N, C-alpha and C. Protein backbone atom coordinates (compact mmCIF):
# COMPACT_ATOMS: atom_id res chain seq x y z
N MET A 1 0.82 -1.19 0.00
CA MET A 1 0.00 0.00 0.00
C MET A 1 0.87 1.25 0.00
N ARG A 2 1.97 1.19 0.75
CA ARG A 2 2.86 2.34 0.83
C ARG A 2 3.46 2.65 -0.55
N TYR A 3 3.80 1.61 -1.30
CA TYR A 3 4.39 1.82 -2.62
C TYR A 3 3.37 2.43 -3.58
N LEU A 4 2.12 2.01 -3.46
CA LEU A 4 1.07 2.57 -4.30
C LEU A 4 0.92 4.07 -4.04
N LEU A 5 0.97 4.47 -2.78
CA LEU A 5 0.89 5.90 -2.45
C LEU A 5 2.07 6.68 -3.01
N TRP A 6 3.27 6.09 -2.93
CA TRP A 6 4.44 6.76 -3.50
C TRP A 6 4.30 6.91 -5.02
N ILE A 7 3.77 5.91 -5.67
CA ILE A 7 3.58 5.97 -7.12
C ILE A 7 2.55 7.05 -7.47
N LEU A 8 1.46 7.13 -6.70
CA LEU A 8 0.46 8.16 -6.94
C LEU A 8 1.01 9.56 -6.70
N LYS A 9 1.80 9.73 -5.64
CA LYS A 9 2.43 11.03 -5.37
C LYS A 9 3.37 11.43 -6.49
N PHE A 10 4.16 10.46 -6.96
CA PHE A 10 5.09 10.75 -8.06
C PHE A 10 4.33 11.12 -9.32
N ALA A 11 3.24 10.42 -9.63
CA ALA A 11 2.44 10.72 -10.82
C ALA A 11 1.83 12.12 -10.71
N LEU A 12 1.33 12.48 -9.53
CA LEU A 12 0.79 13.83 -9.34
C LEU A 12 1.87 14.88 -9.51
N PHE A 13 3.06 14.61 -8.98
CA PHE A 13 4.17 15.54 -9.15
C PHE A 13 4.52 15.73 -10.62
N VAL A 14 4.55 14.65 -11.39
CA VAL A 14 4.88 14.74 -12.82
C VAL A 14 3.81 15.56 -13.56
N VAL A 15 2.55 15.35 -13.22
CA VAL A 15 1.47 16.10 -13.87
C VAL A 15 1.59 17.59 -13.55
N VAL A 16 1.82 17.93 -12.29
CA VAL A 16 1.94 19.34 -11.90
C VAL A 16 3.19 19.95 -12.53
N LEU A 17 4.28 19.21 -12.55
CA LEU A 17 5.51 19.72 -13.16
C LEU A 17 5.33 19.97 -14.65
N SER A 18 4.69 19.05 -15.35
CA SER A 18 4.47 19.25 -16.79
C SER A 18 3.53 20.43 -17.04
N PHE A 19 2.55 20.63 -16.16
CA PHE A 19 1.66 21.80 -16.27
C PHE A 19 2.47 23.08 -16.10
N ALA A 20 3.37 23.09 -15.14
CA ALA A 20 4.18 24.29 -14.89
C ALA A 20 5.11 24.58 -16.07
N VAL A 21 5.69 23.53 -16.65
CA VAL A 21 6.62 23.73 -17.77
C VAL A 21 5.88 24.25 -19.00
N LYS A 22 4.64 23.78 -19.20
CA LYS A 22 3.88 24.19 -20.38
C LYS A 22 3.31 25.61 -20.25
N ASN A 23 3.21 26.15 -19.03
CA ASN A 23 2.57 27.45 -18.82
C ASN A 23 3.55 28.48 -18.28
N THR A 24 4.65 28.68 -19.00
CA THR A 24 5.65 29.65 -18.57
C THR A 24 5.52 30.99 -19.29
N ASP A 25 4.50 31.14 -20.13
CA ASP A 25 4.32 32.40 -20.85
C ASP A 25 4.05 33.53 -19.87
N PRO A 26 4.65 34.70 -20.10
CA PRO A 26 4.40 35.81 -19.18
C PRO A 26 2.99 36.39 -19.36
N VAL A 27 2.38 36.74 -18.26
CA VAL A 27 1.08 37.39 -18.27
C VAL A 27 1.17 38.67 -17.46
N ALA A 28 0.29 39.60 -17.76
CA ALA A 28 0.26 40.86 -17.04
C ALA A 28 -0.95 40.87 -16.10
N VAL A 29 -0.68 41.09 -14.83
CA VAL A 29 -1.75 41.24 -13.85
C VAL A 29 -1.86 42.73 -13.58
N ARG A 30 -3.02 43.29 -13.92
CA ARG A 30 -3.20 44.74 -13.78
C ARG A 30 -3.96 45.07 -12.51
N TYR A 31 -3.44 46.05 -11.78
CA TYR A 31 -4.06 46.53 -10.55
C TYR A 31 -4.72 47.87 -10.82
N TYR A 32 -5.28 48.41 -9.77
CA TYR A 32 -5.88 49.73 -9.86
C TYR A 32 -4.78 50.80 -9.97
N LEU A 33 -5.13 51.95 -10.43
CA LEU A 33 -4.24 53.10 -10.57
C LEU A 33 -3.06 52.82 -11.48
N GLY A 34 -3.24 51.95 -12.45
CA GLY A 34 -2.23 51.72 -13.47
C GLY A 34 -1.08 50.81 -13.07
N HIS A 35 -1.12 50.19 -11.91
CA HIS A 35 -0.05 49.28 -11.52
C HIS A 35 -0.21 47.96 -12.28
N GLU A 36 0.93 47.39 -12.65
CA GLU A 36 0.92 46.15 -13.43
C GLU A 36 2.05 45.25 -12.96
N TRP A 37 1.81 43.95 -12.96
CA TRP A 37 2.81 42.97 -12.55
C TRP A 37 2.94 41.93 -13.65
N GLN A 38 4.13 41.70 -14.14
CA GLN A 38 4.39 40.70 -15.18
C GLN A 38 5.04 39.48 -14.52
N ALA A 39 4.46 38.31 -14.76
CA ALA A 39 5.00 37.08 -14.18
C ALA A 39 4.55 35.90 -15.04
N PRO A 40 5.22 34.76 -14.92
CA PRO A 40 4.77 33.56 -15.64
C PRO A 40 3.38 33.14 -15.17
N LEU A 41 2.60 32.58 -16.08
CA LEU A 41 1.24 32.18 -15.77
C LEU A 41 1.18 31.19 -14.61
N VAL A 42 2.09 30.24 -14.57
CA VAL A 42 2.06 29.25 -13.52
C VAL A 42 2.29 29.89 -12.15
N LEU A 43 3.12 30.93 -12.08
CA LEU A 43 3.35 31.62 -10.82
C LEU A 43 2.10 32.38 -10.38
N VAL A 44 1.42 33.02 -11.32
CA VAL A 44 0.19 33.74 -11.01
C VAL A 44 -0.87 32.76 -10.49
N LEU A 45 -0.98 31.59 -11.13
CA LEU A 45 -1.94 30.59 -10.68
C LEU A 45 -1.58 30.05 -9.30
N LEU A 46 -0.30 29.83 -9.04
CA LEU A 46 0.14 29.35 -7.74
C LEU A 46 -0.16 30.37 -6.65
N VAL A 47 0.10 31.63 -6.91
CA VAL A 47 -0.18 32.68 -5.93
C VAL A 47 -1.68 32.77 -5.67
N ALA A 48 -2.49 32.70 -6.72
CA ALA A 48 -3.95 32.76 -6.54
C ALA A 48 -4.45 31.57 -5.74
N PHE A 49 -3.91 30.38 -6.01
CA PHE A 49 -4.30 29.19 -5.26
C PHE A 49 -3.92 29.31 -3.79
N CYS A 50 -2.71 29.77 -3.52
CA CYS A 50 -2.25 29.90 -2.12
C CYS A 50 -3.06 30.94 -1.37
N LEU A 51 -3.37 32.06 -2.01
CA LEU A 51 -4.18 33.09 -1.37
C LEU A 51 -5.59 32.57 -1.08
N GLY A 52 -6.16 31.79 -1.98
CA GLY A 52 -7.48 31.21 -1.75
C GLY A 52 -7.47 30.21 -0.61
N ALA A 53 -6.44 29.38 -0.56
CA ALA A 53 -6.33 28.41 0.53
C ALA A 53 -6.15 29.12 1.86
N ALA A 54 -5.34 30.16 1.89
CA ALA A 54 -5.14 30.92 3.13
C ALA A 54 -6.43 31.59 3.57
N ALA A 55 -7.19 32.14 2.63
CA ALA A 55 -8.48 32.77 2.97
C ALA A 55 -9.44 31.73 3.54
N GLY A 56 -9.45 30.53 3.00
CA GLY A 56 -10.31 29.47 3.52
C GLY A 56 -9.93 29.06 4.93
N VAL A 57 -8.64 28.95 5.19
CA VAL A 57 -8.18 28.58 6.53
C VAL A 57 -8.53 29.68 7.54
N ILE A 58 -8.30 30.92 7.16
CA ILE A 58 -8.62 32.04 8.05
C ILE A 58 -10.11 32.11 8.32
N ALA A 59 -10.92 31.86 7.31
CA ALA A 59 -12.38 31.90 7.49
C ALA A 59 -12.86 30.80 8.44
N SER A 60 -12.17 29.68 8.48
CA SER A 60 -12.60 28.58 9.35
C SER A 60 -12.05 28.69 10.77
N LEU A 61 -11.09 29.56 11.00
CA LEU A 61 -10.48 29.67 12.32
C LEU A 61 -11.48 30.09 13.39
N ALA A 62 -12.38 31.00 13.07
CA ALA A 62 -13.36 31.46 14.06
C ALA A 62 -14.20 30.28 14.55
N GLN A 63 -14.65 29.45 13.65
CA GLN A 63 -15.46 28.28 14.02
C GLN A 63 -14.65 27.30 14.86
N VAL A 64 -13.40 27.09 14.52
CA VAL A 64 -12.55 26.15 15.26
C VAL A 64 -12.35 26.65 16.69
N PHE A 65 -12.05 27.93 16.87
CA PHE A 65 -11.85 28.47 18.21
C PHE A 65 -13.14 28.44 19.02
N ARG A 66 -14.27 28.69 18.39
CA ARG A 66 -15.55 28.63 19.07
C ARG A 66 -15.81 27.20 19.57
N GLN A 67 -15.52 26.22 18.74
CA GLN A 67 -15.73 24.83 19.13
C GLN A 67 -14.77 24.42 20.26
N ARG A 68 -13.55 24.90 20.21
CA ARG A 68 -12.60 24.58 21.29
C ARG A 68 -13.08 25.15 22.62
N ARG A 69 -13.59 26.39 22.61
CA ARG A 69 -14.11 26.98 23.84
C ARG A 69 -15.29 26.19 24.37
N GLU A 70 -16.16 25.76 23.47
CA GLU A 70 -17.33 24.98 23.89
C GLU A 70 -16.91 23.63 24.47
N ILE A 71 -15.93 22.98 23.87
CA ILE A 71 -15.44 21.70 24.38
C ILE A 71 -14.84 21.88 25.77
N LEU A 72 -14.04 22.93 25.97
CA LEU A 72 -13.46 23.18 27.28
C LEU A 72 -14.54 23.43 28.32
N ALA A 73 -15.58 24.20 27.97
CA ALA A 73 -16.67 24.46 28.91
C ALA A 73 -17.41 23.18 29.26
N LEU A 74 -17.63 22.32 28.29
CA LEU A 74 -18.32 21.05 28.56
C LEU A 74 -17.48 20.13 29.43
N LYS A 75 -16.16 20.09 29.20
CA LYS A 75 -15.28 19.28 30.05
C LYS A 75 -15.28 19.80 31.47
N ARG A 76 -15.25 21.13 31.62
CA ARG A 76 -15.29 21.73 32.95
C ARG A 76 -16.60 21.38 33.66
N GLU A 77 -17.70 21.42 32.91
CA GLU A 77 -19.00 21.07 33.48
C GLU A 77 -19.03 19.61 33.91
N LEU A 78 -18.47 18.72 33.12
CA LEU A 78 -18.41 17.30 33.48
C LEU A 78 -17.59 17.09 34.75
N ARG A 79 -16.47 17.80 34.87
CA ARG A 79 -15.64 17.67 36.06
C ARG A 79 -16.39 18.15 37.30
N MET A 80 -17.11 19.27 37.16
CA MET A 80 -17.87 19.81 38.29
C MET A 80 -18.98 18.86 38.72
N ARG A 81 -19.66 18.26 37.78
CA ARG A 81 -20.72 17.29 38.10
C ARG A 81 -20.14 16.08 38.81
N GLY A 82 -18.97 15.66 38.41
CA GLY A 82 -18.33 14.52 39.05
C GLY A 82 -17.92 14.82 40.47
N ARG A 83 -17.47 16.05 40.74
CA ARG A 83 -17.04 16.44 42.08
C ARG A 83 -18.23 16.63 43.02
N ASP A 84 -19.32 17.18 42.49
CA ASP A 84 -20.48 17.49 43.32
C ASP A 84 -21.24 16.23 43.72
N GLY A 85 -20.90 15.11 43.16
CA GLY A 85 -21.62 13.88 43.47
C GLY A 85 -22.98 13.84 42.80
N GLY A 86 -23.12 14.60 41.76
CA GLY A 86 -24.39 14.64 41.03
C GLY A 86 -24.56 13.41 40.18
N GLU A 87 -25.09 13.61 39.01
CA GLU A 87 -25.33 12.49 38.11
C GLU A 87 -24.01 11.82 37.76
N THR A 88 -24.08 10.53 37.58
CA THR A 88 -22.88 9.82 37.19
C THR A 88 -22.58 10.09 35.72
N VAL A 89 -21.33 10.20 35.43
CA VAL A 89 -20.90 10.48 34.07
C VAL A 89 -20.67 9.15 33.36
N PRO A 90 -21.39 8.88 32.26
CA PRO A 90 -21.18 7.61 31.55
C PRO A 90 -19.81 7.57 30.91
N GLY A 91 -19.24 6.38 30.86
CA GLY A 91 -17.91 6.21 30.28
C GLY A 91 -17.92 6.26 28.77
N ASN A 92 -19.02 5.85 28.15
CA ASN A 92 -19.07 5.79 26.69
C ASN A 92 -20.27 6.62 26.23
N PRO A 93 -20.04 7.67 25.40
CA PRO A 93 -21.14 8.52 24.97
C PRO A 93 -22.20 7.79 24.15
N SER A 94 -21.87 6.65 23.56
CA SER A 94 -22.86 5.93 22.76
C SER A 94 -23.91 5.25 23.66
N ASP A 95 -23.61 5.08 24.96
CA ASP A 95 -24.55 4.46 25.88
C ASP A 95 -25.65 5.42 26.31
N VAL A 96 -25.45 6.72 26.08
CA VAL A 96 -26.37 7.74 26.57
C VAL A 96 -27.66 7.76 25.78
N ALA A 97 -27.62 7.51 24.50
CA ALA A 97 -28.79 7.60 23.63
C ALA A 97 -29.87 6.72 24.13
């Protein structure tokens, strides 16, 4: 199985490399106020992909931090219930249903 994954990774690398070699033509990216940037097409695509991935990660961070806070609050509540001698805490959450 490990060899199959290495072969797939190598094949993906070859495809991406051949795409990069075929798309080296310079393109002009025009900004506002007359600013312009000349770069190979593959570099422009790579920058756009990385910026999109970074925007997606940043957009999901708020949800991740909110969930972490909620998990910590629930763990704290479970600990308090265990100390107070209240309801017993089940060992397996699937038994609760």
